[in-house]
């Protein structure tokens, strides 16, 4: 029965379980096996949801690019319309590029167990540089940004940490209020570094909060906002 259950899991069936045995060792093995399969099933569900979300996110810009490219090829359009359609295609192309970049980053983080590109860098300066990339989004919602950054030198992969900062602040912008506030704090104490990003937006439900570190989980299932989870 154990071999059969293992084969089922190897073939992608995560609905199997092993009944507990009277033998203490086999009972513990069955309990551990069933818990592992349950976790694998949860990951598979999140992967499926992630693919569904990503497909939806890709469909909108691709449809826009295709439609406005056809309009650009049509006869009799004005120069003003041509510029408008070209701008939309440019914006949607950037959106696709961002989605691709974020997806590749997720894949890199997923498969990277050891960080190899480590170097000493200024954490506070990296945060300031990362936030420059989000100035347009913050200006669109008239968000007031408050920084409280200690001077901190840190040894790790600065590009990965930059993506973490961008992701956190980007979420704060997306779910924050119009004319709202975002604060980013960086402090060093007793050998530890603390990074905090706060906003005054809608917050997270208890369900979302409980799954905040689950891979691919996305609290917003309505596709009202862009994101990869």
Protein backbone atom coordinates (compact mmCIF):
# COMPACT_ATOMS: atom_id res chain seq x y z
CA UNK A 1 0.00 0.00 0.00
CA UNK A 2 2.92 2.36 0.66
CA UNK A 3 4.45 1.71 -2.77
CA UNK A 4 1.06 2.25 -4.44
CA UNK A 5 0.55 5.55 -2.58
CA UNK A 6 4.04 6.76 -3.52
CA UNK A 7 3.39 5.95 -7.18
CA UNK A 8 0.11 7.88 -7.08
CA UNK A 9 1.85 10.95 -5.65
CA UNK A 10 4.64 10.63 -8.23
CA UNK A 11 1.94 10.72 -10.94
CA UNK A 12 0.42 13.91 -9.54
CA UNK A 13 -2.42 12.48 -7.47
CA UNK A 14 -2.43 14.30 -4.13
CA UNK A 15 -5.75 12.89 -2.91
CA UNK A 16 -4.18 9.70 -1.55
CA UNK A 17 -3.50 8.92 2.08
CA UNK A 18 -2.09 6.03 4.08
CA UNK A 19 -4.09 4.63 7.01
CA UNK A 20 -2.25 4.66 10.31
CA UNK A 21 -0.77 1.38 11.44
CA UNK A 22 -0.63 -0.21 14.89
CA UNK A 23 3.14 -0.26 14.62
CA UNK A 24 4.47 3.01 16.12
CA UNK A 25 7.11 3.57 13.41
CA UNK A 26 4.72 2.87 10.53
CA UNK A 27 2.05 5.00 12.18
CA UNK A 28 4.49 7.95 12.37
CA UNK A 29 5.52 7.32 8.76
CA UNK A 30 1.88 7.36 7.64
CA UNK A 31 1.21 10.59 9.57
CA UNK A 32 4.26 12.33 8.04
CA UNK A 33 3.43 11.01 4.57
CA UNK A 34 -0.17 12.23 4.74
CA UNK A 35 0.91 15.67 6.01
CA UNK A 36 3.44 16.00 3.17
CA UNK A 37 0.88 15.02 0.53
CA UNK A 38 -1.57 17.55 1.97
CA UNK A 39 1.07 20.29 1.66
CA UNK A 40 1.86 19.24 -1.92
CA UNK A 41 -1.84 19.42 -2.79
CA UNK A 42 -1.99 22.95 -1.37
CA UNK A 43 1.01 24.02 -3.45
CA UNK A 44 -0.53 22.48 -6.57
CA UNK A 45 -3.79 24.39 -5.99
CA UNK A 46 -1.87 27.65 -5.59
CA UNK A 47 0.13 26.93 -8.76
CA UNK A 48 -3.10 26.37 -10.65
CA UNK A 49 -4.57 29.61 -9.32
CA UNK A 50 -1.35 31.43 -10.21
CA UNK A 51 -1.50 30.18 -13.82
CA UNK A 52 -5.15 31.23 -14.06
CA UNK A 53 -4.35 34.69 -12.70
CA UNK A 54 -1.34 35.09 -14.99
CA UNK A 55 -3.35 34.01 -18.03
CA UNK A 56 -5.95 36.63 -17.21
CA UNK A 57 -3.30 39.30 -16.71
CA UNK A 58 -1.70 38.46 -20.07
CA UNK A 59 -4.97 38.36 -22.01
CA UNK A 60 -5.88 42.02 -21.46
CA UNK A 61 -2.66 43.69 -22.74
CA UNK A 62 -2.31 41.22 -25.63
CA UNK A 63 -5.89 41.93 -26.73
CA UNK A 64 -5.27 45.69 -26.49
CA UNK A 65 -2.02 45.51 -28.48
CA UNK A 66 -3.65 43.40 -31.17
CA UNK A 67 -6.71 45.63 -31.45
CA UNK A 68 -4.88 48.95 -31.57
CA UNK A 69 -2.25 47.56 -33.97
CA UNK A 70 -5.10 46.78 -36.38
CA UNK A 71 -6.39 50.34 -35.97
CA UNK A 72 -2.92 51.70 -36.74
CA UNK A 73 -2.91 49.77 -40.01
CA UNK A 74 -6.32 51.13 -41.04
CA UNK A 75 -6.60 53.87 -43.63
CA UNK A 76 -7.92 57.32 -42.90
CA UNK A 77 -6.88 57.72 -39.26
CA UNK A 78 -5.64 61.10 -38.09
CA UNK A 79 -2.14 61.79 -36.78
CA UNK A 80 -3.62 62.40 -33.32
CA UNK A 81 -5.33 59.00 -33.36
CA UNK A 82 -2.13 57.36 -34.61
CA UNK A 83 -0.16 58.79 -31.69
CA UNK A 84 -2.89 57.78 -29.22
CA UNK A 85 -2.97 54.18 -30.48
CA UNK A 86 0.84 53.97 -30.52
CA UNK A 87 0.95 55.22 -26.91
CA UNK A 88 -1.55 52.57 -25.83
CA UNK A 89 0.50 49.85 -27.56
CA UNK A 90 3.64 51.19 -25.85
CA UNK A 91 1.95 51.19 -22.42
CA UNK A 92 0.54 47.69 -22.83
CA UNK A 93 3.90 46.40 -24.07
CA UNK A 94 5.53 47.76 -20.91
CA UNK A 95 2.83 46.05 -18.88
CA UNK A 96 3.63 42.74 -20.57
CA UNK A 97 7.34 43.29 -19.98
CA UNK A 98 6.70 43.91 -16.29
CA UNK A 99 4.59 40.75 -16.01
CA UNK A 100 7.30 38.71 -17.73
CA UNK A 101 10.00 40.18 -15.49
CA UNK A 102 8.03 39.46 -12.32
CA UNK A 103 7.25 35.92 -13.44
CA UNK A 104 10.92 35.22 -14.18
CA UNK A 105 11.81 36.62 -10.76
CA UNK A 106 9.31 34.28 -9.11
CA UNK A 107 10.88 31.36 -10.99
CA UNK A 108 14.36 32.46 -9.90
CA UNK A 109 13.33 32.75 -6.27
CA UNK A 110 11.46 29.44 -6.49
CA UNK A 111 14.47 27.50 -7.71
CA UNK A 112 17.26 29.33 -5.89
CA UNK A 113 18.10 27.70 -2.59
CA UNK A 114 21.49 29.38 -2.30
CA UNK A 115 22.05 33.08 -2.99
CA UNK A 116 25.33 33.36 -4.88
CA UNK A 117 25.44 37.01 -6.01
CA UNK A 118 26.17 38.46 -2.61
CA UNK A 119 28.02 41.70 -2.05
CA UNK A 120 28.19 44.50 0.49
CA UNK A 121 25.91 47.40 -0.43
CA UNK A 122 24.12 50.38 1.08
CA UNK A 123 20.63 49.16 2.00
CA UNK A 124 19.21 52.66 2.49
CA UNK A 125 20.55 53.90 -0.85
CA UNK A 126 19.16 50.80 -2.58
CA UNK A 127 15.71 51.59 -1.14
CA UNK A 128 15.87 55.18 -2.35
CA UNK A 129 16.92 54.06 -5.85
CA UNK A 130 14.14 51.45 -5.95
CA UNK A 131 11.49 53.98 -4.96
CA UNK A 132 12.44 56.24 -7.87
CA UNK A 133 11.01 53.56 -10.18
CA UNK A 134 7.62 53.94 -8.46
CA UNK A 135 7.39 57.74 -8.52
CA UNK A 136 4.96 57.73 -11.47
CA UNK A 137 2.55 55.34 -9.71
CA UNK A 138 2.71 57.33 -6.48
CA UNK A 139 2.12 60.61 -8.30
CA UNK A 140 -0.93 59.15 -10.07
CA UNK A 141 -2.58 58.56 -6.68
CA UNK A 142 -1.06 61.66 -5.06
CA UNK A 143 0.52 59.55 -2.35
CA UNK A 144 2.64 61.16 0.35
CA UNK A 145 5.81 59.11 0.93
CA UNK A 146 7.63 59.28 4.25
CA UNK A 147 11.11 57.79 4.61
CA UNK A 148 12.89 57.01 7.86
CA UNK A 149 16.05 55.18 6.87
CA UNK A 150 19.09 54.41 8.98
CA UNK A 151 22.39 54.14 7.17
CA UNK A 152 22.79 50.39 6.85
CA UNK A 153 25.41 48.37 4.97
CA UNK A 154 24.18 44.87 4.20
CA UNK A 155 25.74 41.76 2.65
CA UNK A 156 23.36 39.93 0.31
CA UNK A 157 21.95 40.00 -3.24
CA UNK A 158 20.95 43.66 -3.67
CA UNK A 159 18.91 43.03 -6.85
CA UNK A 160 16.68 40.47 -5.12
CA UNK A 161 16.19 42.73 -2.11
CA UNK A 162 15.39 45.61 -4.45
CA UNK A 163 12.60 43.51 -5.98
CA UNK A 164 11.28 42.78 -2.49
CA UNK A 165 11.15 46.51 -1.71
CA UNK A 166 9.51 47.32 -5.05
CA UNK A 167 6.93 44.57 -4.54
CA UNK A 168 6.04 45.73 -1.04
CA UNK A 169 5.73 49.41 -1.97
CA UNK A 170 3.94 48.59 -5.22
CA UNK A 171 1.31 46.67 -3.24
CA UNK A 172 1.01 49.59 -0.82
CA UNK A 173 0.37 51.89 -3.77
CA UNK A 174 -2.17 49.58 -5.43
CA UNK A 175 -4.18 48.97 -2.28
CA UNK A 176 -3.58 52.35 -0.62
CA UNK A 177 -5.99 55.28 -0.64
CA UNK A 178 -6.03 58.09 -3.17
CA UNK A 179 -4.19 61.00 -1.49
CA UNK A 180 -2.99 58.47 1.07
CA UNK A 181 0.27 57.94 2.93
CA UNK A 182 3.04 55.35 2.71
CA UNK A 183 5.93 55.11 5.12
CA UNK A 184 9.12 53.11 4.57
CA UNK A 185 11.40 52.55 7.55
CA UNK A 186 14.78 50.86 7.82
CA UNK A 187 16.44 50.36 11.18
CA UNK A 188 19.41 48.40 12.47
CA UNK A 189 19.52 47.12 16.03
CA UNK A 190 21.70 44.52 17.78
CA UNK A 191 22.90 42.99 14.53
CA UNK A 192 19.43 42.75 13.00
CA UNK A 193 17.96 44.83 10.17
CA UNK A 194 14.27 45.75 10.21
CA UNK A 195 12.42 46.91 7.08
CA UNK A 196 8.86 48.21 7.41
CA UNK A 197 6.39 49.36 4.73
CA UNK A 198 3.10 50.83 5.97
CA UNK A 199 0.10 52.27 4.16
CA UNK A 200 -3.39 53.42 5.13
CA UNK A 201 -5.27 51.33 2.58
CA UNK A 202 -7.81 48.51 2.77
CA UNK A 203 -5.53 46.13 4.64
CA UNK A 204 -5.68 42.33 4.42
CA UNK A 205 -8.33 39.89 5.55
CA UNK A 206 -7.44 37.22 8.12
CA UNK A 207 -7.51 34.62 5.32
CA UNK A 208 -5.01 36.58 3.20
CA UNK A 209 -2.82 37.35 6.21
CA UNK A 210 -2.63 33.66 7.09
CA UNK A 211 -1.35 32.87 3.59
CA UNK A 212 0.96 35.87 3.14
CA UNK A 213 4.07 33.68 2.79
CA UNK A 214 2.41 30.99 0.66
CA UNK A 215 3.85 30.81 -2.85
CA UNK A 216 1.62 32.15 -5.64
CA UNK A 217 -1.25 33.07 -3.31
CA UNK A 218 -3.17 36.18 -4.36
CA UNK A 219 -5.79 37.63 -2.03
CA UNK A 220 -7.48 39.60 -4.82
CA UNK A 221 -9.17 36.93 -6.95
CA UNK A 222 -11.34 39.44 -8.82
CA UNK A 223 -8.44 40.66 -11.03
CA UNK A 224 -9.19 44.28 -10.11
CA UNK A 225 -5.47 44.90 -9.75
CA UNK A 226 -2.41 43.58 -11.53
CA UNK A 227 -0.09 41.20 -9.75
CA UNK A 228 1.58 37.80 -9.63
CA UNK A 229 0.76 36.93 -6.06
